[in-house]
N, C-alpha and C. Protein backbone atom coordinates (compact mmCIF):
# COMPACT_ATOMS: atom_id res chain seq x y z
N UNK A 1 0.80 -1.18 0.40
CA UNK A 1 -0.08 -0.07 0.34
C UNK A 1 1.11 1.28 -0.11
N UNK A 2 0.71 2.36 -1.16
CA UNK A 2 1.42 3.27 -1.08
C UNK A 2 1.66 4.04 -0.11
N UNK A 3 2.25 4.94 0.39
CA UNK A 3 2.28 5.99 1.62
C UNK A 3 1.39 6.96 1.08
N UNK A 4 0.69 7.19 0.35
CA UNK A 4 -0.33 8.38 0.26
C UNK A 4 -1.67 7.70 0.63
N UNK A 5 -1.78 6.55 -0.11
CA UNK A 5 -2.98 5.79 0.53
C UNK A 5 -3.06 5.82 2.15
N UNK A 6 -2.13 5.26 2.96
CA UNK A 6 -1.97 5.24 4.25
C UNK A 6 -2.43 6.54 4.94
N UNK A 7 -1.58 7.05 4.28
CA UNK A 7 -1.97 8.81 5.10
C UNK A 7 -3.36 9.28 4.58
N UNK A 8 -4.27 8.58 3.09
CA UNK A 8 -5.59 9.14 3.15
C UNK A 8 -6.29 8.48 4.11
N UNK A 9 -6.17 7.09 4.19
CA UNK A 9 -6.94 6.50 5.76
C UNK A 9 -6.83 6.92 7.04
N UNK A 10 -5.42 7.58 6.96
CA UNK A 10 -5.72 7.74 8.42
C UNK A 10 -6.42 8.96 8.93
N UNK A 11 -6.12 9.79 7.80
CA UNK A 11 -7.11 11.21 7.66
C UNK A 11 -8.74 11.25 8.06
N UNK A 12 -9.06 10.28 6.95
CA UNK A 12 -10.30 9.83 7.13
C UNK A 12 -10.78 9.07 8.99
N UNK A 13 -9.82 8.57 9.28
CA UNK A 13 -10.06 7.63 10.41
C UNK A 13 -10.28 9.12 11.36
N UNK A 14 -9.48 9.60 11.35
CA UNK A 14 -9.17 10.51 12.24
C UNK A 14 -10.77 11.72 12.42
N UNK A 15 -10.96 12.03 11.06
CA UNK A 15 -12.05 12.73 11.11
C UNK A 15 -13.10 11.71 11.91
N UNK A 16 -13.47 10.52 11.33
CA UNK A 16 -14.12 9.74 12.42
C UNK A 16 -14.50 10.03 13.87
N UNK A 17 -13.09 10.00 14.06
CA UNK A 17 -12.67 9.70 15.81
C UNK A 17 -13.47 11.25 16.35
N UNK A 18 -13.09 12.25 15.58
CA UNK A 18 -13.57 13.78 16.35
C UNK A 18 -14.66 14.29 16.05
N UNK A 19 -15.84 13.41 14.79
CA UNK A 19 -16.94 14.30 14.65
C UNK A 19 -17.73 13.61 15.75
N UNK A 20 -18.77 14.45 16.24
CA UNK A 20 -19.88 14.20 17.15
C UNK A 20 -20.42 12.77 16.67
N UNK A 21 -21.07 12.40 17.59
CA UNK A 21 -21.64 10.88 17.02
C UNK A 21 -23.61 11.82 16.38
N UNK A 22 -24.06 10.72 15.59
CA UNK A 22 -25.13 11.57 15.14
C UNK A 22 -26.26 11.45 15.96
N UNK A 23 -26.34 11.02 17.43
CA UNK A 23 -27.41 11.18 18.05
C UNK A 23 -26.89 12.17 18.86
N UNK A 24 -26.21 12.99 19.13
CA UNK A 24 -25.71 14.21 19.85
C UNK A 24 -26.01 15.54 18.46
N UNK A 25 -26.34 15.03 17.43
CA UNK A 25 -26.05 16.21 16.88
C UNK A 25 -27.58 16.38 16.73
N UNK A 26 -28.25 15.30 16.47
CA UNK A 26 -29.72 15.15 16.66
C UNK A 26 -30.70 15.73 18.06
N UNK A 27 -29.89 15.26 19.39
CA UNK A 27 -29.96 16.15 20.55
C UNK A 27 -30.30 17.35 20.15
N UNK A 28 -28.93 18.02 19.34
CA UNK A 28 -28.85 19.54 19.77
C UNK A 28 -29.78 20.01 18.68
N UNK A 29 -30.30 19.59 17.81
CA UNK A 29 -31.73 20.08 16.97
C UNK A 29 -32.97 20.06 17.32
N UNK A 30 -33.18 19.34 18.51
CA UNK A 30 -34.02 19.15 18.90
C UNK A 30 -34.63 20.77 19.64
N UNK A 31 -35.42 21.16 19.64
CA UNK A 31 -36.15 22.68 20.24
C UNK A 31 -37.00 22.73 21.47
N UNK A 32 -36.80 22.95 22.36
CA UNK A 32 -37.73 23.24 23.64
C UNK A 32 -38.12 24.49 24.10
N UNK A 33 -39.00 24.30 25.18
CA UNK A 33 -39.69 25.83 25.38
C UNK A 33 -38.70 26.29 26.41
N UNK A 34 -38.71 27.89 26.22
CA UNK A 34 -37.69 28.52 27.15
C UNK A 34 -38.48 28.16 28.42
N UNK A 35 -39.56 28.42 28.81
CA UNK A 35 -40.50 28.07 30.06
C UNK A 35 -40.27 27.03 30.73
N UNK A 36 -40.09 26.13 29.74
CA UNK A 36 -39.88 24.88 30.64
C UNK A 36 -38.72 23.85 29.25
N UNK A 37 -37.63 23.54 29.72
CA UNK A 37 -36.72 22.81 28.72
C UNK A 37 -36.95 21.53 28.69
N UNK A 38 -37.54 21.46 30.02
CA UNK A 38 -37.94 19.36 29.51
C UNK A 38 -39.26 19.54 28.75
N UNK A 39 -39.78 20.39 27.99
CA UNK A 39 -40.93 20.31 26.87
C UNK A 39 -40.31 20.19 25.62
N UNK A 40 -40.14 19.16 24.50
CA UNK A 40 -39.49 19.17 23.43
C UNK A 40 -40.33 19.92 22.69
N UNK A 41 -40.20 20.31 21.00
CA UNK A 41 -41.19 20.95 20.53
C UNK A 41 -40.72 20.88 19.51
N UNK A 42 -41.33 19.55 18.35
CA UNK A 42 -41.74 19.53 17.44
C UNK A 42 -42.64 19.61 16.39
N UNK A 43 -42.30 19.89 14.95
CA UNK A 43 -43.31 19.74 14.16
C UNK A 43 -44.33 18.94 13.94
N UNK A 44 -45.53 19.39 14.17
CA UNK A 44 -46.71 18.01 13.48
C UNK A 44 -47.04 18.14 12.22
N UNK A 45 -46.53 17.09 11.80
CA UNK A 45 -46.12 16.63 10.74
C UNK A 45 -47.58 17.28 9.83
N UNK A 46 -48.62 16.27 10.58
CA UNK A 46 -49.80 16.37 9.50
C UNK A 46 -50.54 17.34 9.42
N UNK A 47 -50.36 18.19 10.21
CA UNK A 47 -51.17 19.50 10.58
C UNK A 47 -50.09 20.81 10.39
N UNK A 48 -49.71 21.41 8.85
CA UNK A 48 -48.52 22.39 8.73
C UNK A 48 -49.45 23.67 10.02
N UNK A 49 -48.33 24.10 10.71
CA UNK A 49 -48.09 25.28 11.31
C UNK A 49 -48.54 25.23 12.84
N UNK A 50 -48.79 23.63 13.22
CA UNK A 50 -48.65 23.18 14.03
C UNK A 50 -47.29 22.34 14.82
N UNK A 51 -47.43 22.66 16.45
CA UNK A 51 -46.13 22.45 16.69
C UNK A 51 -46.94 21.41 18.12
N UNK A 52 -45.95 20.09 18.55
CA UNK A 52 -46.24 19.01 19.17
C UNK A 52 -45.46 19.28 20.21
N UNK A 53 -45.65 19.27 21.57
CA UNK A 53 -45.07 19.82 22.64
C UNK A 53 -45.23 18.15 23.54
N UNK A 54 -44.07 17.44 24.06
CA UNK A 54 -43.63 16.73 24.97
C UNK A 54 -42.44 16.39 25.42
N UNK A 55 -42.68 15.49 26.67
CA UNK A 55 -41.42 14.90 27.14
C UNK A 55 -40.66 14.41 26.68
N UNK A 56 -40.72 13.51 25.16
CA UNK A 56 -40.01 12.45 25.20
C UNK A 56 -39.35 12.78 24.08
N UNK A 57 -37.92 12.23 23.45
CA UNK A 57 -37.19 13.16 22.47
C UNK A 57 -37.65 12.71 21.28
N UNK A 58 -38.55 11.91 21.11
CA UNK A 58 -39.38 12.00 19.67
C UNK A 58 -40.82 12.23 19.82
N UNK A 59 -41.16 12.87 18.73
CA UNK A 59 -42.88 13.01 18.54
C UNK A 59 -43.43 11.72 18.04
N UNK A 60 -44.26 11.78 19.73
CA UNK A 60 -45.03 10.87 20.02
C UNK A 60 -46.68 11.55 20.09
N UNK A 61 -47.49 11.58 19.18
CA UNK A 61 -48.64 12.20 19.54
C UNK A 61 -49.81 11.79 20.29
N UNK A 62 -49.34 10.52 20.76
CA UNK A 62 -50.77 9.74 21.38
C UNK A 62 -50.04 10.02 23.25
N UNK A 63 -48.93 10.43 23.36
CA UNK A 63 -48.04 10.85 24.60
C UNK A 63 -47.78 12.16 24.82
N UNK A 64 -47.92 12.97 23.93
CA UNK A 64 -47.80 14.31 24.10
C UNK A 64 -48.29 15.02 24.65
N UNK A 65 -47.65 16.21 25.61
CA UNK A 65 -48.76 17.16 26.64
C UNK A 65 -49.94 17.51 25.65
N UNK A 66 -49.26 18.08 23.95
CA UNK A 66 -50.58 18.89 23.50
C UNK A 66 -49.81 19.54 22.08
N UNK A 67 -50.51 20.18 21.54
CA UNK A 67 -50.43 20.90 19.97
C UNK A 67 -50.09 22.69 20.56
N UNK A 68 -49.50 23.28 19.63
CA UNK A 68 -50.00 24.34 19.69
C UNK A 68 -49.56 25.34 18.21
N UNK A 69 -50.48 26.17 18.10
CA UNK A 69 -50.29 26.53 16.94
C UNK A 69 -49.00 27.86 16.82
N UNK A 70 -48.59 28.45 18.36
CA UNK A 70 -47.83 29.44 18.40
C UNK A 70 -46.74 28.77 19.63
N UNK A 71 -45.81 29.48 19.78
CA UNK A 71 -44.35 29.70 20.52
C UNK A 71 -44.05 30.58 20.91
N UNK A 72 -43.93 31.13 22.39
CA UNK A 72 -44.30 29.94 23.16
C UNK A 72 -45.94 29.68 23.11
N UNK A 73 -46.07 28.78 23.70
CA UNK A 73 -47.76 28.67 23.68
C UNK A 73 -48.68 29.56 24.54
N UNK A 74 -50.10 29.51 24.32
CA UNK A 74 -50.84 30.39 24.92
C UNK A 74 -51.88 29.77 25.13
N UNK A 75 -53.27 29.96 26.13
CA UNK A 75 -54.53 29.33 26.13
C UNK A 75 -54.86 29.19 25.04
N UNK A 76 -54.80 30.17 23.84
CA UNK A 76 -55.80 30.24 22.79
C UNK A 76 -54.98 29.64 21.83
N UNK A 77 -53.95 29.22 21.50
CA UNK A 77 -53.32 28.57 20.84
C UNK A 77 -52.98 26.74 21.47
N UNK A 78 -53.16 26.65 22.29
CA UNK A 78 -52.89 25.64 22.85
C UNK A 78 -53.89 24.47 23.18
N UNK A 79 -54.08 23.16 22.31
CA UNK A 79 -54.77 22.30 22.64
C UNK A 79 -54.28 20.93 23.22
N UNK A 80 -54.90 20.80 24.96
CA UNK A 80 -54.56 19.44 25.24
C UNK A 80 -54.76 18.29 24.84
N UNK A 81 -53.57 17.29 25.08
CA UNK A 81 -53.80 15.84 24.41
C UNK A 81 -54.86 15.35 25.52
N UNK A 82 -55.68 14.91 25.02
CA UNK A 82 -56.93 14.21 26.53
C UNK A 82 -56.44 13.04 27.13
N UNK A 83 -55.48 12.47 26.41
CA UNK A 83 -54.74 11.28 27.26
C UNK A 83 -53.60 11.66 28.32
N UNK A 84 -53.28 12.59 27.77
CA UNK A 84 -52.05 13.33 28.61
C UNK A 84 -52.45 13.26 30.39
N UNK A 85 -53.23 14.18 30.77
CA UNK A 85 -53.72 14.60 32.10
C UNK A 85 -54.00 13.06 32.92
N UNK A 86 -54.51 12.22 32.50
CA UNK A 86 -54.85 10.96 33.35
C UNK A 86 -53.42 10.15 33.48
N UNK A 87 -52.17 10.29 32.78
CA UNK A 87 -51.38 9.84 32.32
C UNK A 87 -50.98 10.60 34.11
N UNK A 88 -50.56 11.61 33.75
CA UNK A 88 -50.42 12.87 34.63
C UNK A 88 -51.05 12.55 36.32
N UNK A 89 -51.74 12.41 36.17
CA UNK A 89 -52.85 12.16 37.60
C UNK A 89 -52.51 10.85 38.08
N UNK A 90 -52.54 9.50 37.43
CA UNK A 90 -51.82 8.34 37.61
C UNK A 90 -50.67 8.60 38.37
N UNK A 91 -49.60 8.93 38.16
CA UNK A 91 -48.15 9.37 38.15
C UNK A 91 -48.52 9.53 39.60
N UNK A 92 -49.04 11.26 39.75
CA UNK A 92 -49.31 11.90 40.67
C UNK A 92 -49.51 10.84 41.93
N UNK A 93 -50.74 10.75 41.43
CA UNK A 93 -51.43 9.48 42.53
C UNK A 93 -50.23 8.57 43.21
N UNK A 94 -49.82 8.26 42.70
CA UNK A 94 -48.31 6.77 42.83
C UNK A 94 -47.14 7.79 43.30
N UNK A 95 -47.00 8.86 43.42
CA UNK A 95 -45.52 9.08 43.46
C UNK A 95 -45.48 10.40 44.28
N UNK A 96 -46.59 10.92 44.21
CA UNK A 96 -46.48 12.22 44.67
C UNK A 96 -46.42 12.46 46.57
N UNK A 97 -46.62 11.38 47.07
CA UNK A 97 -46.06 11.60 48.87
C UNK A 97 -45.36 11.44 49.31
N UNK A 98 -44.06 10.74 47.98
CA UNK A 98 -43.06 10.59 48.07
C UNK A 98 -41.98 11.83 47.90
N UNK A 99 -42.59 12.61 47.23
CA UNK A 99 -42.26 13.98 46.72
C UNK A 99 -41.38 14.70 47.93
N UNK A 100 -39.84 14.85 47.97
CA UNK A 100 -39.25 15.88 49.22
C UNK A 100 -39.74 17.19 49.61
N UNK A 101 -40.07 17.47 48.30
CA UNK A 101 -40.63 19.42 48.77
C UNK A 101 -41.91 19.46 49.61
N UNK A 102 -43.11 17.85 49.21
CA UNK A 102 -44.27 17.84 49.64
C UNK A 102 -43.82 17.55 50.71
N UNK A 103 -43.02 16.44 51.10
CA UNK A 103 -42.74 16.31 52.23
C UNK A 103 -42.43 17.29 53.29
N UNK A 104 -41.51 18.32 52.96
CA UNK A 104 -41.31 19.34 54.01
C UNK A 104 -42.21 20.13 54.33
N UNK A 105 -43.17 20.36 52.95
CA UNK A 105 -44.47 21.47 53.11
C UNK A 105 -45.61 20.71 54.25
N UNK A 106 -45.56 19.13 54.03
CA UNK A 106 -46.34 18.75 55.05
C UNK A 106 -46.22 19.20 56.67
N UNK A 107 -44.84 18.71 56.70
CA UNK A 107 -43.96 19.01 58.21
C UNK A 107 -44.29 20.27 58.96
N UNK A 108 -44.37 21.21 57.60
CA UNK A 108 -44.33 22.24 58.05
C UNK A 108 -45.90 22.96 58.59
N UNK A 109 -46.66 22.44 57.95
CA UNK A 109 -47.95 22.87 58.17
C UNK A 109 -48.59 22.36 59.10
N UNK A 110 -48.02 21.30 59.74
CA UNK A 110 -48.62 20.29 60.89
C UNK A 110 -47.76 20.85 62.08
N UNK A 111 -46.57 21.32 61.79
CA UNK A 111 -45.81 22.36 63.20
C UNK A 111 -46.94 23.18 63.81
N UNK A 112 -46.79 23.70 65.13
CA UNK A 112 -47.03 24.76 65.88
C UNK A 112 -47.37 25.87 65.51
N UNK A 113 -45.89 26.38 63.96
CA UNK A 113 -46.33 27.68 64.10
C UNK A 113 -47.08 27.91 62.59
N UNK A 114 -47.93 26.45 61.97
CA UNK A 114 -48.91 26.90 60.91
C UNK A 114 -49.74 28.05 61.16
N UNK A 115 -49.79 28.98 60.27
CA UNK A 115 -51.17 29.92 60.89
C UNK A 115 -52.35 29.33 60.51
N UNK A 116 -53.14 30.00 61.61
CA UNK A 116 -54.62 29.73 60.90
C UNK A 116 -55.35 30.61 59.74
N UNK A 117 -54.32 31.53 59.13
CA UNK A 117 -54.95 32.90 58.34
C UNK A 117 -54.64 32.26 56.89
N UNK A 118 -53.73 30.95 56.94
CA UNK A 118 -53.10 30.24 55.43
C UNK A 118 -54.78 29.14 55.57
N UNK A 119 -54.74 28.64 56.74
CA UNK A 119 -55.82 27.23 56.49
C UNK A 119 -57.31 28.22 56.07
N UNK A 120 -57.94 29.52 56.40
CA UNK A 120 -58.65 30.22 56.13
C UNK A 120 -58.68 30.32 55.23
N UNK A 121 -57.42 30.92 54.37
CA UNK A 121 -57.43 31.52 53.23
C UNK A 121 -57.62 29.85 51.77
N UNK A 122 -57.20 28.87 52.57
CA UNK A 122 -57.33 27.55 52.02
C UNK A 122 -58.79 27.37 51.95
N UNK A 123 -59.81 27.27 52.46
CA UNK A 123 -60.90 27.10 51.98
C UNK A 123 -62.01 28.16 51.39
N UNK A 124 -61.30 29.64 51.83
CA UNK A 124 -61.73 30.33 50.73
C UNK A 124 -61.24 29.99 49.21
N UNK A 125 -60.38 29.49 48.98
CA UNK A 125 -59.79 29.30 47.67
C UNK A 125 -60.32 28.11 47.08
N UNK A 126 -60.85 26.76 47.83
CA UNK A 126 -61.44 25.67 47.18
C UNK A 126 -62.60 26.04 46.78
N UNK A 127 -63.28 27.56 47.73
CA UNK A 127 -64.62 27.51 47.10
C UNK A 127 -64.45 28.50 45.85
N UNK A 128 -63.87 29.08 45.42
CA UNK A 128 -63.72 29.13 44.51
C UNK A 128 -63.09 30.83 44.20
N UNK A 129 -63.09 31.53 45.74
CA UNK A 129 -62.84 33.00 45.65
C UNK A 129 -61.83 33.58 44.80
N UNK A 130 -61.20 32.62 44.51
CA UNK A 130 -59.57 33.01 43.76
C UNK A 130 -58.43 33.63 45.19
N UNK A 131 -57.55 34.40 44.04
CA UNK A 131 -56.49 35.02 44.92
C UNK A 131 -55.25 34.54 45.02
N UNK A 132 -54.04 34.85 45.33
CA UNK A 132 -52.93 34.82 45.13
C UNK A 132 -52.87 33.05 45.68
N UNK A 133 -51.82 32.46 45.39
CA UNK A 133 -50.97 31.22 45.51
C UNK A 133 -50.47 30.67 46.84
N UNK A 134 -50.23 29.33 47.25
CA UNK A 134 -49.63 28.98 48.28
C UNK A 134 -48.52 28.72 48.34
N UNK A 135 -47.43 29.07 49.25
CA UNK A 135 -46.56 28.56 49.57
C UNK A 135 -46.11 27.07 50.35
N UNK A 136 -44.98 27.16 50.96
CA UNK A 136 -44.66 26.00 51.99
C UNK A 136 -45.53 25.73 52.94
N UNK A 137 -46.85 26.26 53.11
CA UNK A 137 -47.98 25.97 54.26
C UNK A 137 -49.01 26.45 53.07
N UNK A 138 -49.14 25.29 52.20
CA UNK A 138 -50.48 25.32 51.28
C UNK A 138 -51.82 24.38 52.16
N UNK A 139 -51.87 24.52 53.54
CA UNK A 139 -52.99 23.68 53.83
C UNK A 139 -54.12 23.39 54.05
N UNK A 140 -54.76 22.99 54.28
CA UNK A 140 -56.21 22.84 54.23
C UNK A 140 -56.94 23.17 55.77
N UNK A 141 -57.75 22.26 56.53
CA UNK A 141 -57.91 22.82 57.62
C UNK A 141 -57.64 21.70 58.19
N UNK A 142 -56.79 22.25 59.43
CA UNK A 142 -56.27 21.56 60.01
C UNK A 142 -55.00 21.90 60.39
N UNK A 143 -53.56 21.50 60.52
CA UNK A 143 -52.49 22.19 60.73
C UNK A 143 -52.22 22.77 62.36
N UNK A 144 -50.74 23.00 62.63
CA UNK A 144 -50.50 23.19 63.91
C UNK A 144 -50.87 21.68 65.32
N UNK A 145 -50.61 20.63 64.32
CA UNK A 145 -50.52 19.34 65.19
C UNK A 145 -52.08 18.70 65.21
N UNK A 146 -52.39 19.19 64.42
CA UNK A 146 -54.01 18.89 64.30
C UNK A 146 -54.07 18.20 62.86
N UNK A 147 -53.29 18.02 62.10
CA UNK A 147 -53.31 17.67 60.73
C UNK A 147 -54.31 18.37 59.71
N UNK A 148 -54.53 17.17 58.47
CA UNK A 148 -55.50 18.55 57.71
C UNK A 148 -54.59 18.09 56.21
N UNK A 149 -55.00 18.84 55.26
CA UNK A 149 -54.63 18.67 53.96
C UNK A 149 -53.28 19.14 53.26
N UNK A 150 -52.81 19.12 52.41
CA UNK A 150 -51.42 19.86 51.84
C UNK A 150 -52.07 19.90 49.94
N UNK A 151 -51.52 20.78 49.64
CA UNK A 151 -51.72 20.66 48.57
C UNK A 151 -50.40 20.88 47.30
N UNK A 152 -50.29 20.40 46.37
CA UNK A 152 -49.70 19.58 45.10
C UNK A 152 -50.00 20.85 44.16
N UNK A 153 -48.85 22.16 44.28
CA UNK A 153 -49.10 22.36 43.06
C UNK A 153 -47.62 22.72 41.95
N UNK A 154 -48.34 23.33 41.01
CA UNK A 154 -47.58 23.64 39.60
C UNK A 154 -46.81 24.48 40.14
N UNK A 155 -45.23 24.62 39.49
CA UNK A 155 -44.06 25.55 39.92
C UNK A 155 -43.89 26.42 39.11
N UNK A 156 -45.11 26.65 37.77
CA UNK A 156 -44.92 27.58 36.97
C UNK A 156 -45.17 29.02 38.03
N UNK A 157 -46.05 28.78 38.92
CA UNK A 157 -46.36 30.20 39.19
C UNK A 157 -46.27 30.12 40.58
N UNK A 158 -45.42 30.20 41.54
CA UNK A 158 -45.53 29.86 43.00
C UNK A 158 -45.88 30.91 43.99
N UNK A 159 -46.79 30.36 44.51
CA UNK A 159 -47.70 31.26 45.76
C UNK A 159 -46.45 31.78 46.79
N UNK A 160 -46.89 32.73 47.29
CA UNK A 160 -46.76 33.80 48.15
C UNK A 160 -46.50 33.20 49.44
N UNK A 161 -45.75 33.22 50.20
CA UNK A 161 -45.73 32.36 51.51
C UNK A 161 -46.89 32.31 52.60
N UNK A 162 -47.27 31.11 52.74
CA UNK A 162 -48.67 31.21 53.65
C UNK A 162 -50.33 31.33 53.27
N UNK A 163 -49.77 31.25 51.63
CA UNK A 163 -51.17 31.56 51.22
C UNK A 163 -50.83 30.30 50.15
N UNK A 164 -51.94 29.80 49.33
CA UNK A 164 -52.54 28.40 48.46
C UNK A 164 -52.38 29.39 47.18
N UNK A 165 -52.38 28.11 46.10
CA UNK A 165 -52.08 28.26 44.70
C UNK A 165 -53.57 28.60 44.14
N UNK A 166 -53.81 29.05 43.10
CA UNK A 166 -54.96 29.36 41.99
C UNK A 166 -55.78 27.77 41.96
N UNK A 167 -56.62 27.80 41.92
CA UNK A 167 -57.12 26.51 41.48
C UNK A 167 -56.80 26.24 40.41
N UNK A 168 -56.52 26.58 39.48
CA UNK A 168 -56.05 25.98 38.15
C UNK A 168 -54.60 25.55 38.23
N UNK A 169 -53.77 26.17 39.37
CA UNK A 169 -52.38 25.86 39.37
C UNK A 169 -52.35 24.59 40.48
N UNK A 170 -53.73 24.07 40.83
CA UNK A 170 -53.14 23.09 41.86
C UNK A 170 -53.70 21.04 41.59
N UNK A 171 -52.81 20.92 41.48
CA UNK A 171 -53.10 19.21 40.84
C UNK A 171 -53.87 18.56 41.60
N UNK A 172 -53.44 18.91 43.10
CA UNK A 172 -54.36 17.85 43.77
C UNK A 172 -53.93 17.92 45.27
N UNK A 173 -54.36 17.50 46.47
CA UNK A 173 -54.67 17.62 47.47
C UNK A 173 -53.83 15.97 48.21
N UNK A 174 -53.43 15.92 49.31
CA UNK A 174 -52.94 14.82 50.25
C UNK A 174 -53.06 14.97 51.87
N UNK A 175 -54.21 14.55 52.45
CA UNK A 175 -54.14 14.71 53.86
C UNK A 175 -52.94 14.65 54.72
N UNK A 176 -52.88 14.85 55.83
CA UNK A 176 -51.50 14.92 56.53
C UNK A 176 -51.93 14.66 57.77
N UNK A 177 -51.11 13.97 58.91
CA UNK A 177 -51.74 13.39 60.12
C UNK A 177 -50.89 14.60 61.09
N UNK A 178 -51.38 14.58 62.38
CA UNK A 178 -50.99 15.46 63.18
C UNK A 178 -49.55 15.48 63.41
N UNK A 179 -49.09 14.80 63.05
CA UNK A 179 -47.32 14.74 63.22
C UNK A 179 -46.78 14.92 61.75
N UNK A 180 -47.36 15.38 60.90
CA UNK A 180 -46.76 15.97 59.64
C UNK A 180 -46.42 14.66 58.69
N UNK A 181 -47.03 13.66 59.19
CA UNK A 181 -46.84 12.88 57.77
C UNK A 181 -47.80 12.61 57.03
N UNK A 182 -47.75 12.02 55.40
CA UNK A 182 -48.43 12.25 54.83
C UNK A 182 -49.45 10.58 54.41
N UNK A 183 -50.44 10.89 54.34
CA UNK A 183 -51.29 9.97 54.79
C UNK A 183 -52.12 9.80 53.27
N UNK A 184 -52.00 8.69 53.03
CA UNK A 184 -52.58 7.81 51.47
C UNK A 184 -51.65 8.92 50.47
N UNK A 185 -52.46 8.32 49.22
CA UNK A 185 -52.41 9.22 47.92
C UNK A 185 -52.96 10.66 47.43
N UNK A 186 -52.67 11.13 46.30
CA UNK A 186 -52.80 12.43 46.28
C UNK A 186 -54.42 12.08 45.26
N UNK A 187 -55.09 13.19 45.52
CA UNK A 187 -56.06 13.06 45.14
C UNK A 187 -56.06 14.35 44.27
N UNK A 188 -56.77 14.23 42.71
CA UNK A 188 -56.50 15.16 42.10
C UNK A 188 -57.57 16.22 42.18
N UNK A 189 -57.60 17.35 41.88
CA UNK A 189 -58.35 18.46 42.22
C UNK A 189 -59.33 18.75 41.46
N UNK A 190 -59.29 18.28 40.36
CA UNK A 190 -60.33 18.80 39.12
C UNK A 190 -60.21 19.78 38.13
N UNK A 191 -59.56 20.81 39.33
CA UNK A 191 -59.90 22.20 38.58
C UNK A 191 -57.88 22.63 38.13
N UNK A 192 -56.83 21.85 37.95
CA UNK A 192 -56.06 21.89 37.31
C UNK A 192 -55.74 22.28 35.72
N UNK A 193 -55.15 22.97 35.28
CA UNK A 193 -55.07 23.36 33.81
C UNK A 193 -53.96 23.41 33.40
N UNK A 194 -53.28 22.01 32.09
CA UNK A 194 -51.86 22.02 32.04
C UNK A 194 -51.18 23.49 31.24
N UNK A 195 -51.93 24.41 30.86
CA UNK A 195 -51.43 25.72 30.54
C UNK A 195 -52.44 26.80 31.13
N UNK A 196 -51.90 28.06 31.35
CA UNK A 196 -52.25 28.98 32.12
C UNK A 196 -51.19 30.18 31.74
N UNK A 197 -52.06 31.50 31.35
CA UNK A 197 -51.18 32.86 30.94
C UNK A 197 -50.05 33.00 32.10
N UNK A 198 -49.41 32.03 32.91
CA UNK A 198 -48.71 32.12 33.66
C UNK A 198 -47.82 31.08 33.27
N UNK A 199 -48.03 30.04 32.27
CA UNK A 199 -46.94 29.05 31.80
C UNK A 199 -47.45 27.50 31.63
N UNK A 200 -46.40 26.61 31.38
CA UNK A 200 -46.73 25.34 30.85
C UNK A 200 -46.67 24.38 32.53
N UNK A 201 -47.19 23.47 31.96
CA UNK A 201 -46.92 22.06 33.55
C UNK A 201 -45.54 22.69 33.85
N UNK A 202 -45.44 22.58 35.38
CA UNK A 202 -43.91 22.41 35.81
C UNK A 202 -44.05 21.60 36.88
N UNK A 203 -43.00 20.45 37.11
CA UNK A 203 -43.02 19.61 38.34
C UNK A 203 -41.63 19.94 39.01
N UNK A 204 -41.88 19.04 39.83
CA UNK A 204 -40.42 18.91 40.59
C UNK A 204 -39.52 18.04 40.23
N UNK A 205 -38.17 18.26 40.20
CA UNK A 205 -37.54 17.27 39.67
C UNK A 205 -37.64 15.52 40.06
N UNK A 206 -38.25 15.63 41.24
CA UNK A 206 -38.37 14.07 41.31
C UNK A 206 -39.57 13.12 40.49
N UNK A 207 -40.99 14.65 40.45
CA UNK A 207 -41.78 13.94 40.25
C UNK A 207 -41.71 13.97 38.42
N UNK A 208 -40.83 14.81 38.06
CA UNK A 208 -40.83 15.05 36.50
C UNK A 208 -40.09 13.83 36.31
N UNK A 209 -39.29 12.91 36.72
CA UNK A 209 -38.16 12.28 36.36
C UNK A 209 -39.53 10.74 36.45
N UNK A 210 -40.64 10.54 37.43
CA UNK A 210 -41.36 9.74 37.32
C UNK A 210 -42.43 9.35 36.38
N UNK A 211 -42.78 10.52 35.85
CA UNK A 211 -43.67 11.24 34.69
C UNK A 211 -42.63 10.65 33.03
N UNK A 212 -41.60 11.17 33.04
CA UNK A 212 -41.25 10.75 31.71
C UNK A 212 -40.35 9.28 32.18
N UNK A 213 -40.45 8.60 33.16
CA UNK A 213 -40.32 6.92 33.10
C UNK A 213 -41.72 6.47 32.85
N UNK A 214 -42.75 6.94 33.32
CA UNK A 214 -44.15 6.72 32.47
C UNK A 214 -44.16 6.57 31.32
N UNK A 215 -44.14 7.88 30.63
CA UNK A 215 -44.39 8.02 29.40
C UNK A 215 -43.35 7.31 28.62
N UNK A 216 -41.70 6.87 29.15
CA UNK A 216 -41.11 6.07 28.10
C UNK A 216 -41.89 4.77 28.52
N UNK A 217 -42.47 4.10 29.17
CA UNK A 217 -42.87 2.56 29.29
C UNK A 217 -43.81 2.78 28.45
N UNK A 218 -44.75 3.86 28.50
CA UNK A 218 -46.09 4.04 27.55
C UNK A 218 -45.79 3.67 26.01
N UNK A 219 -44.60 4.52 25.47
CA UNK A 219 -44.14 4.62 24.53
C UNK A 219 -43.59 2.93 24.06
N UNK A 220 -43.31 2.27 24.63
CA UNK A 220 -42.71 1.13 24.40
C UNK A 220 -43.95 -0.16 23.99
N UNK A 221 -45.05 0.39 24.90
CA UNK A 221 -46.02 -0.62 24.61
C UNK A 221 -46.79 -0.02 22.99
N UNK A 222 -46.21 1.24 22.47
CA UNK A 222 -47.26 1.35 21.45
C UNK A 222 -46.46 0.78 20.04
N UNK A 223 -47.54 0.36 19.16
CA UNK A 223 -47.19 -0.85 18.02
C UNK A 223 -45.94 0.13 17.33
N UNK A 224 -45.04 -0.69 16.93
CA UNK A 224 -43.62 0.30 16.28
C UNK A 224 -44.00 1.17 14.76
N UNK A 225 -43.75 2.41 14.35
CA UNK A 225 -44.16 2.75 12.94
C UNK A 225 -44.22 2.08 11.81
């Protein structure tokens, strides 16, 4: 083999070694929402001018959050995937009680310093009176060593201290005993909205990880394209 040929092969090999893997190139080309970089944006091929929003790395309409005709999405441009919220609620029912942030919130609420004003504000909010959202003490009736309920809220619009979230930001509620321990599983609020004027679904790292795990498991069950 000539010296020229050997040199050519060596140069080609060096280029292959230094070129980034195709997977890296693909990932770098995926767009995400500025308000939630964990949600990917893909063109919805069957519908020109529409984008698919998903937690998965591939555009899977059946498991998407929904579609939007504008980026960033707005309540007017967004169409929710009706199959997504039931999956989300199931994940929260199974795992919310283990979320570190919610556990800390429950213990703080049940402590002797839990303010009665926050509890009163909570009863008004669930009755539909509106107002600012909750914080580390988003409790229901009870607290101060007597137990009650705490709310799991979307992180897109953090409430002021001592208050609870707007109904459309409350994912669900969990019962807390007098010692601050979470009892049972989360009950969906029925008032939660995936996207509001304040932004799109935002979960804690723990719950987001559980949601992505479930979506990947569901994607594996889908028939191959």
